[in-house]
Amino acid sequence: MSIAMPGTKCYISRMQRVLLTFCLMAAFAAWHTQKAKPEKPVYNPGNDVTPPQAIFTPEPDYSADARRGKFKGVVVVSGYVGTDGRFHDAKVARSIGDAALDAKVLNSVKTWKFRPCTKNGTPVNCTMNMEVAINLD
C-alpha cells in the first residue's frame, strides 16, 4: 500500500498496517467507552438530600470455582445513583482479593434498581458506597 503525497511516496509495510489498524481500534475503543459525566450535579446524601432506597438487588451469579473456594468477605463498590434509579460509574473501592468475584459483583450492581435520592422532592444524582457481602460457605 502506498500513500501518495505531493512529490513523495510513502510505503507502509503489512506489519505497519496491522499496527496502525490496532492503534486505531484501541483509540476508538477508548473513546467509545468513556463514561459521560452526569448532566446534573451529584450530591452527597444528608441534610436536605434523602438517601436512595433499594428496590431490586439480585445476588451476583458466582462461578463454581468461587463456590468451591468458599470465599467470605465484603466488596465495597463506589459510584452514584442517578435520577433514573440505576447505579452509575461503579468501581471497586475495596476488593475481596479475587478479580473474578469483584467483576461479578460489579456486573450485578449495574442491574440493581433504586428509588433515587431527592432534594426538596425532586430526584437528584447522589454518591453512594455499597457493601456487598459475599459468603459462599
N, C-alpha and C. Protein backbone atom coordinates (compact mmCIF):
# COMPACT_ATOMS: atom_id res chain seq x y z
N MET A 1 0.85 -1.17 0.00
CA MET A 1 0.00 0.00 0.00
C MET A 1 0.89 1.23 0.00
N SER A 2 0.56 2.18 -0.79
CA SER A 2 1.33 3.41 -0.80
C SER A 2 0.40 4.59 -0.53
N ILE A 3 0.95 5.57 0.11
CA ILE A 3 0.20 6.79 0.36
C ILE A 3 0.81 7.87 -0.51
N ALA A 4 0.04 8.41 -1.42
CA ALA A 4 0.56 9.42 -2.34
C ALA A 4 0.48 10.79 -1.69
N MET A 5 1.62 11.43 -1.55
CA MET A 5 1.69 12.79 -1.04
C MET A 5 2.35 13.62 -2.13
N PRO A 6 2.07 14.88 -2.19
CA PRO A 6 2.66 15.69 -3.26
C PRO A 6 4.18 15.57 -3.29
N GLY A 7 4.70 15.08 -4.37
CA GLY A 7 6.14 15.00 -4.58
C GLY A 7 6.82 13.80 -3.95
N THR A 8 6.14 13.01 -3.10
CA THR A 8 6.78 11.86 -2.45
C THR A 8 5.84 10.68 -2.43
N LYS A 9 6.40 9.53 -2.17
CA LYS A 9 5.61 8.34 -1.96
C LYS A 9 6.09 7.70 -0.68
N CYS A 10 5.15 7.21 0.08
CA CYS A 10 5.47 6.57 1.35
C CYS A 10 4.87 5.17 1.29
N TYR A 11 5.68 4.19 1.56
CA TYR A 11 5.19 2.82 1.52
C TYR A 11 5.01 2.32 2.95
N ILE A 12 3.89 1.66 3.18
CA ILE A 12 3.59 1.10 4.50
C ILE A 12 3.60 -0.41 4.37
N SER A 13 4.42 -1.04 5.19
CA SER A 13 4.50 -2.50 5.14
C SER A 13 3.24 -3.11 5.74
N ARG A 14 3.10 -4.40 5.54
CA ARG A 14 1.94 -5.12 6.08
C ARG A 14 1.90 -5.03 7.61
N MET A 15 3.05 -5.17 8.26
CA MET A 15 3.13 -5.09 9.71
C MET A 15 2.72 -3.69 10.19
N GLN A 16 3.17 -2.67 9.47
CA GLN A 16 2.81 -1.30 9.86
C GLN A 16 1.31 -1.08 9.72
N ARG A 17 0.70 -1.68 8.69
CA ARG A 17 -0.76 -1.56 8.52
C ARG A 17 -1.48 -2.23 9.68
N VAL A 18 -0.99 -3.41 10.09
CA VAL A 18 -1.59 -4.13 11.21
C VAL A 18 -1.48 -3.30 12.49
N LEU A 19 -0.29 -2.74 12.72
CA LEU A 19 -0.10 -1.92 13.92
C LEU A 19 -0.96 -0.67 13.88
N LEU A 20 -1.06 -0.03 12.72
CA LEU A 20 -1.89 1.15 12.58
C LEU A 20 -3.35 0.81 12.83
N THR A 21 -3.81 -0.30 12.28
CA THR A 21 -5.19 -0.73 12.49
C THR A 21 -5.44 -1.01 13.97
N PHE A 22 -4.50 -1.70 14.61
CA PHE A 22 -4.64 -2.00 16.04
C PHE A 22 -4.71 -0.71 16.86
N CYS A 23 -3.83 0.24 16.57
CA CYS A 23 -3.83 1.50 17.31
C CYS A 23 -5.13 2.26 17.10
N LEU A 24 -5.62 2.29 15.88
CA LEU A 24 -6.88 2.98 15.61
C LEU A 24 -8.05 2.30 16.33
N MET A 25 -8.05 0.95 16.35
CA MET A 25 -9.11 0.23 17.06
C MET A 25 -9.04 0.52 18.55
N ALA A 26 -7.84 0.54 19.12
CA ALA A 26 -7.68 0.81 20.54
C ALA A 26 -8.12 2.23 20.87
N ALA A 27 -7.78 3.19 20.02
CA ALA A 27 -8.19 4.57 20.24
C ALA A 27 -9.71 4.70 20.17
N PHE A 28 -10.33 4.02 19.20
CA PHE A 28 -11.78 4.07 19.08
C PHE A 28 -12.44 3.44 20.30
N ALA A 29 -11.92 2.31 20.75
CA ALA A 29 -12.50 1.64 21.92
C ALA A 29 -12.38 2.53 23.16
N ALA A 30 -11.25 3.19 23.34
CA ALA A 30 -11.07 4.08 24.49
C ALA A 30 -12.04 5.25 24.40
N TRP A 31 -12.20 5.82 23.22
CA TRP A 31 -13.13 6.93 23.04
C TRP A 31 -14.57 6.48 23.27
N HIS A 32 -14.91 5.31 22.75
CA HIS A 32 -16.28 4.81 22.82
C HIS A 32 -16.70 4.44 24.24
N THR A 33 -15.76 3.97 25.06
CA THR A 33 -16.12 3.51 26.40
C THR A 33 -16.00 4.59 27.47
N GLN A 34 -15.60 5.80 27.09
CA GLN A 34 -15.52 6.87 28.08
C GLN A 34 -16.91 7.11 28.65
N LYS A 35 -16.95 7.24 29.97
CA LYS A 35 -18.21 7.48 30.64
C LYS A 35 -18.56 8.95 30.53
N ALA A 36 -19.80 9.21 30.17
CA ALA A 36 -20.26 10.59 30.12
C ALA A 36 -20.52 11.07 31.54
N LYS A 37 -20.15 12.29 31.79
CA LYS A 37 -20.40 12.89 33.10
C LYS A 37 -21.90 13.12 33.23
N PRO A 38 -22.43 13.00 34.46
CA PRO A 38 -23.86 13.24 34.62
C PRO A 38 -24.19 14.70 34.26
N GLU A 39 -25.35 14.89 33.64
CA GLU A 39 -25.76 16.23 33.23
C GLU A 39 -26.03 17.11 34.45
N LYS A 40 -26.55 16.50 35.50
CA LYS A 40 -26.88 17.26 36.70
C LYS A 40 -25.81 17.01 37.75
N PRO A 41 -25.70 17.89 38.74
CA PRO A 41 -24.69 17.67 39.79
C PRO A 41 -24.98 16.41 40.60
N VAL A 42 -23.93 15.89 41.22
CA VAL A 42 -24.05 14.71 42.07
C VAL A 42 -23.91 15.17 43.52
N TYR A 43 -24.93 14.89 44.33
CA TYR A 43 -24.98 15.33 45.72
C TYR A 43 -24.56 14.21 46.65
N ASN A 44 -24.20 14.57 47.86
CA ASN A 44 -23.98 13.60 48.93
C ASN A 44 -25.26 13.51 49.75
N PRO A 45 -25.70 12.30 50.09
CA PRO A 45 -26.90 12.18 50.92
C PRO A 45 -26.68 12.87 52.27
N GLY A 46 -27.72 13.45 52.79
CA GLY A 46 -27.64 14.14 54.07
C GLY A 46 -28.26 15.51 53.94
N ASN A 47 -28.45 16.17 55.07
CA ASN A 47 -29.11 17.48 55.13
C ASN A 47 -30.44 17.43 54.39
N ASP A 48 -30.56 18.11 53.26
CA ASP A 48 -31.84 18.13 52.54
C ASP A 48 -31.89 17.12 51.40
N VAL A 49 -30.90 16.21 51.31
CA VAL A 49 -30.88 15.17 50.27
C VAL A 49 -31.16 13.82 50.93
N THR A 50 -32.28 13.20 50.55
CA THR A 50 -32.64 11.90 51.12
C THR A 50 -31.82 10.81 50.44
N PRO A 51 -31.41 9.77 51.17
CA PRO A 51 -30.62 8.69 50.55
C PRO A 51 -31.48 7.83 49.62
N PRO A 52 -30.84 7.12 48.70
CA PRO A 52 -31.60 6.23 47.82
C PRO A 52 -32.11 5.02 48.59
N GLN A 53 -33.16 4.41 48.07
CA GLN A 53 -33.72 3.20 48.67
C GLN A 53 -33.68 2.08 47.65
N ALA A 54 -33.13 0.95 48.05
CA ALA A 54 -33.01 -0.20 47.15
C ALA A 54 -34.38 -0.79 46.87
N ILE A 55 -34.64 -1.08 45.60
CA ILE A 55 -35.90 -1.70 45.18
C ILE A 55 -35.65 -3.13 44.69
N PHE A 56 -34.56 -3.31 43.92
CA PHE A 56 -34.27 -4.60 43.29
C PHE A 56 -32.77 -4.84 43.39
N THR A 57 -32.36 -5.86 44.18
CA THR A 57 -30.94 -6.13 44.40
C THR A 57 -30.65 -7.63 44.30
N PRO A 58 -30.61 -8.17 43.07
CA PRO A 58 -30.35 -9.60 42.94
C PRO A 58 -28.92 -9.95 43.34
N GLU A 59 -28.75 -11.16 43.82
CA GLU A 59 -27.42 -11.67 44.20
C GLU A 59 -26.55 -11.83 42.96
N PRO A 60 -25.26 -11.58 43.10
CA PRO A 60 -24.35 -11.86 41.97
C PRO A 60 -24.35 -13.35 41.62
N ASP A 61 -24.10 -13.67 40.36
CA ASP A 61 -24.05 -15.05 39.89
C ASP A 61 -22.61 -15.53 40.03
N TYR A 62 -22.32 -16.21 41.14
CA TYR A 62 -20.96 -16.65 41.41
C TYR A 62 -20.62 -17.90 40.61
N SER A 63 -19.35 -18.00 40.21
CA SER A 63 -18.90 -19.15 39.44
C SER A 63 -18.73 -20.36 40.36
N ALA A 64 -18.65 -21.54 39.75
CA ALA A 64 -18.46 -22.77 40.51
C ALA A 64 -17.11 -22.75 41.23
N ASP A 65 -16.09 -22.17 40.58
CA ASP A 65 -14.77 -22.06 41.22
C ASP A 65 -14.83 -21.22 42.49
N ALA A 66 -15.57 -20.13 42.42
CA ALA A 66 -15.70 -19.26 43.60
C ALA A 66 -16.42 -19.99 44.72
N ARG A 67 -17.45 -20.75 44.36
CA ARG A 67 -18.19 -21.50 45.39
C ARG A 67 -17.29 -22.57 46.03
N ARG A 68 -16.47 -23.22 45.19
CA ARG A 68 -15.55 -24.22 45.74
C ARG A 68 -14.50 -23.57 46.65
N GLY A 69 -14.12 -22.32 46.33
CA GLY A 69 -13.13 -21.60 47.13
C GLY A 69 -13.68 -21.11 48.45
N LYS A 70 -15.02 -21.13 48.60
CA LYS A 70 -15.70 -20.71 49.82
C LYS A 70 -15.23 -19.34 50.31
N PHE A 71 -15.31 -18.36 49.42
CA PHE A 71 -14.90 -17.01 49.77
C PHE A 71 -15.88 -16.37 50.75
N LYS A 72 -15.34 -15.56 51.64
CA LYS A 72 -16.13 -14.75 52.56
C LYS A 72 -15.52 -13.36 52.57
N GLY A 73 -16.36 -12.37 52.69
CA GLY A 73 -15.84 -11.02 52.80
C GLY A 73 -16.83 -10.01 52.26
N VAL A 74 -16.35 -8.78 52.16
CA VAL A 74 -17.19 -7.67 51.70
C VAL A 74 -16.46 -6.94 50.58
N VAL A 75 -17.18 -6.70 49.49
CA VAL A 75 -16.68 -5.88 48.40
C VAL A 75 -17.37 -4.53 48.52
N VAL A 76 -16.59 -3.45 48.56
CA VAL A 76 -17.16 -2.10 48.63
C VAL A 76 -17.13 -1.53 47.22
N VAL A 77 -18.30 -1.09 46.76
CA VAL A 77 -18.45 -0.54 45.42
C VAL A 77 -18.85 0.93 45.56
N SER A 78 -18.16 1.81 44.83
CA SER A 78 -18.50 3.23 44.88
C SER A 78 -19.03 3.68 43.53
N GLY A 79 -19.82 4.73 43.53
CA GLY A 79 -20.40 5.29 42.32
C GLY A 79 -21.48 6.28 42.70
N TYR A 80 -22.48 6.41 41.83
CA TYR A 80 -23.60 7.27 42.17
C TYR A 80 -24.90 6.68 41.63
N VAL A 81 -25.98 6.98 42.35
CA VAL A 81 -27.32 6.58 41.93
C VAL A 81 -27.90 7.76 41.16
N GLY A 82 -28.28 7.49 39.92
CA GLY A 82 -28.82 8.55 39.06
C GLY A 82 -30.30 8.77 39.29
N THR A 83 -30.80 9.78 38.65
CA THR A 83 -32.23 10.09 38.76
C THR A 83 -33.07 8.99 38.12
N ASP A 84 -32.43 8.13 37.31
CA ASP A 84 -33.13 7.00 36.69
C ASP A 84 -33.23 5.80 37.62
N GLY A 85 -32.62 5.89 38.81
CA GLY A 85 -32.67 4.80 39.77
C GLY A 85 -31.64 3.71 39.54
N ARG A 86 -30.71 3.93 38.63
CA ARG A 86 -29.65 2.97 38.33
C ARG A 86 -28.33 3.42 38.97
N PHE A 87 -27.45 2.44 39.20
CA PHE A 87 -26.14 2.74 39.77
C PHE A 87 -25.18 2.99 38.62
N HIS A 88 -24.48 4.12 38.64
CA HIS A 88 -23.58 4.52 37.55
C HIS A 88 -22.14 4.62 38.04
N ASP A 89 -21.20 4.51 37.11
CA ASP A 89 -19.76 4.63 37.38
C ASP A 89 -19.30 3.71 38.50
N ALA A 90 -19.80 2.48 38.51
CA ALA A 90 -19.46 1.52 39.56
C ALA A 90 -17.98 1.15 39.48
N LYS A 91 -17.30 1.29 40.62
CA LYS A 91 -15.89 0.92 40.73
C LYS A 91 -15.69 0.20 42.06
N VAL A 92 -14.78 -0.75 42.08
CA VAL A 92 -14.47 -1.46 43.32
C VAL A 92 -13.59 -0.55 44.17
N ALA A 93 -14.10 -0.16 45.34
CA ALA A 93 -13.34 0.68 46.26
C ALA A 93 -12.50 -0.19 47.21
N ARG A 94 -13.04 -1.37 47.53
CA ARG A 94 -12.28 -2.33 48.35
C ARG A 94 -12.61 -3.73 47.85
N SER A 95 -11.57 -4.44 47.47
CA SER A 95 -11.71 -5.75 46.85
C SER A 95 -11.72 -6.85 47.91
N ILE A 96 -12.27 -7.98 47.51
CA ILE A 96 -12.22 -9.17 48.36
C ILE A 96 -10.93 -9.95 48.09
N GLY A 97 -10.23 -9.59 47.03
CA GLY A 97 -8.98 -10.25 46.70
C GLY A 97 -9.07 -11.19 45.51
N ASP A 98 -10.21 -11.27 44.89
CA ASP A 98 -10.41 -12.13 43.72
C ASP A 98 -11.03 -11.27 42.62
N ALA A 99 -10.29 -11.02 41.55
CA ALA A 99 -10.75 -10.14 40.48
C ALA A 99 -12.03 -10.66 39.82
N ALA A 100 -12.16 -11.97 39.69
CA ALA A 100 -13.36 -12.54 39.06
C ALA A 100 -14.60 -12.27 39.92
N LEU A 101 -14.46 -12.41 41.24
CA LEU A 101 -15.59 -12.12 42.13
C LEU A 101 -15.94 -10.64 42.11
N ASP A 102 -14.91 -9.80 42.09
CA ASP A 102 -15.15 -8.35 42.01
C ASP A 102 -15.93 -8.01 40.74
N ALA A 103 -15.56 -8.62 39.63
CA ALA A 103 -16.25 -8.38 38.37
C ALA A 103 -17.70 -8.84 38.43
N LYS A 104 -17.94 -9.98 39.06
CA LYS A 104 -19.32 -10.48 39.20
C LYS A 104 -20.15 -9.50 40.03
N VAL A 105 -19.56 -8.98 41.10
CA VAL A 105 -20.26 -8.02 41.95
C VAL A 105 -20.57 -6.75 41.15
N LEU A 106 -19.59 -6.24 40.40
CA LEU A 106 -19.82 -5.03 39.59
C LEU A 106 -20.93 -5.25 38.57
N ASN A 107 -20.92 -6.39 37.89
CA ASN A 107 -21.97 -6.68 36.91
C ASN A 107 -23.34 -6.76 37.56
N SER A 108 -23.40 -7.32 38.76
CA SER A 108 -24.66 -7.44 39.47
C SER A 108 -25.17 -6.07 39.91
N VAL A 109 -24.28 -5.25 40.44
CA VAL A 109 -24.67 -3.92 40.94
C VAL A 109 -25.24 -3.06 39.82
N LYS A 110 -24.75 -3.24 38.61
CA LYS A 110 -25.25 -2.46 37.48
C LYS A 110 -26.70 -2.79 37.14
N THR A 111 -27.21 -3.92 37.62
CA THR A 111 -28.60 -4.29 37.36
C THR A 111 -29.53 -3.87 38.49
N TRP A 112 -28.97 -3.41 39.59
CA TRP A 112 -29.80 -3.03 40.74
C TRP A 112 -30.61 -1.78 40.42
N LYS A 113 -31.76 -1.68 41.09
CA LYS A 113 -32.63 -0.52 40.91
C LYS A 113 -32.89 0.12 42.28
N PHE A 114 -32.95 1.44 42.26
CA PHE A 114 -33.15 2.21 43.48
C PHE A 114 -34.26 3.23 43.29
N ARG A 115 -34.85 3.63 44.39
CA ARG A 115 -35.67 4.82 44.40
C ARG A 115 -34.65 5.94 44.58
N PRO A 116 -34.55 6.88 43.63
CA PRO A 116 -33.45 7.84 43.66
C PRO A 116 -33.50 8.79 44.86
N CYS A 117 -32.36 9.42 45.11
CA CYS A 117 -32.28 10.46 46.13
C CYS A 117 -33.17 11.61 45.71
N THR A 118 -33.64 12.35 46.68
CA THR A 118 -34.44 13.53 46.37
C THR A 118 -33.92 14.73 47.14
N LYS A 119 -34.06 15.87 46.52
CA LYS A 119 -33.73 17.14 47.17
C LYS A 119 -34.93 18.03 46.96
N ASN A 120 -35.58 18.40 48.05
CA ASN A 120 -36.81 19.20 48.01
C ASN A 120 -37.87 18.52 47.14
N GLY A 121 -37.95 17.18 47.21
CA GLY A 121 -38.95 16.43 46.48
C GLY A 121 -38.62 16.12 45.03
N THR A 122 -37.48 16.60 44.54
CA THR A 122 -37.07 16.38 43.15
C THR A 122 -35.95 15.35 43.10
N PRO A 123 -36.05 14.32 42.23
CA PRO A 123 -34.97 13.32 42.13
C PRO A 123 -33.65 13.98 41.70
N VAL A 124 -32.56 13.56 42.38
CA VAL A 124 -31.23 14.08 42.07
C VAL A 124 -30.24 12.92 42.05
N ASN A 125 -29.09 13.12 41.42
CA ASN A 125 -27.99 12.16 41.45
C ASN A 125 -27.32 12.26 42.82
N CYS A 126 -26.93 11.12 43.40
CA CYS A 126 -26.21 11.18 44.67
C CYS A 126 -25.18 10.06 44.77
N THR A 127 -24.08 10.39 45.46
CA THR A 127 -22.99 9.43 45.62
C THR A 127 -23.42 8.31 46.56
N MET A 128 -22.76 7.18 46.39
CA MET A 128 -23.11 6.04 47.24
C MET A 128 -21.96 5.05 47.26
N ASN A 129 -21.66 4.55 48.45
CA ASN A 129 -20.74 3.42 48.62
C ASN A 129 -21.58 2.27 49.13
N MET A 130 -21.48 1.13 48.46
CA MET A 130 -22.26 -0.03 48.86
C MET A 130 -21.33 -1.14 49.30
N GLU A 131 -21.72 -1.84 50.34
CA GLU A 131 -21.02 -3.02 50.79
C GLU A 131 -21.80 -4.24 50.34
N VAL A 132 -21.18 -5.08 49.55
CA VAL A 132 -21.80 -6.30 49.07
C VAL A 132 -21.13 -7.47 49.78
N ALA A 133 -21.88 -8.10 50.67
CA ALA A 133 -21.34 -9.22 51.46
C ALA A 133 -21.31 -10.48 50.62
N ILE A 134 -20.19 -11.20 50.70
CA ILE A 134 -20.03 -12.48 49.99
C ILE A 134 -19.78 -13.55 51.04
N ASN A 135 -20.62 -14.56 51.05
CA ASN A 135 -20.47 -15.68 51.97
C ASN A 135 -20.80 -16.95 51.20
N LEU A 136 -19.79 -17.61 50.67
CA LEU A 136 -20.00 -18.77 49.80
C LEU A 136 -19.72 -20.08 50.51
N ASP A 137 -20.10 -20.17 51.78
CA ASP A 137 -19.94 -21.44 52.51
C ASP A 137 -20.91 -22.48 52.02
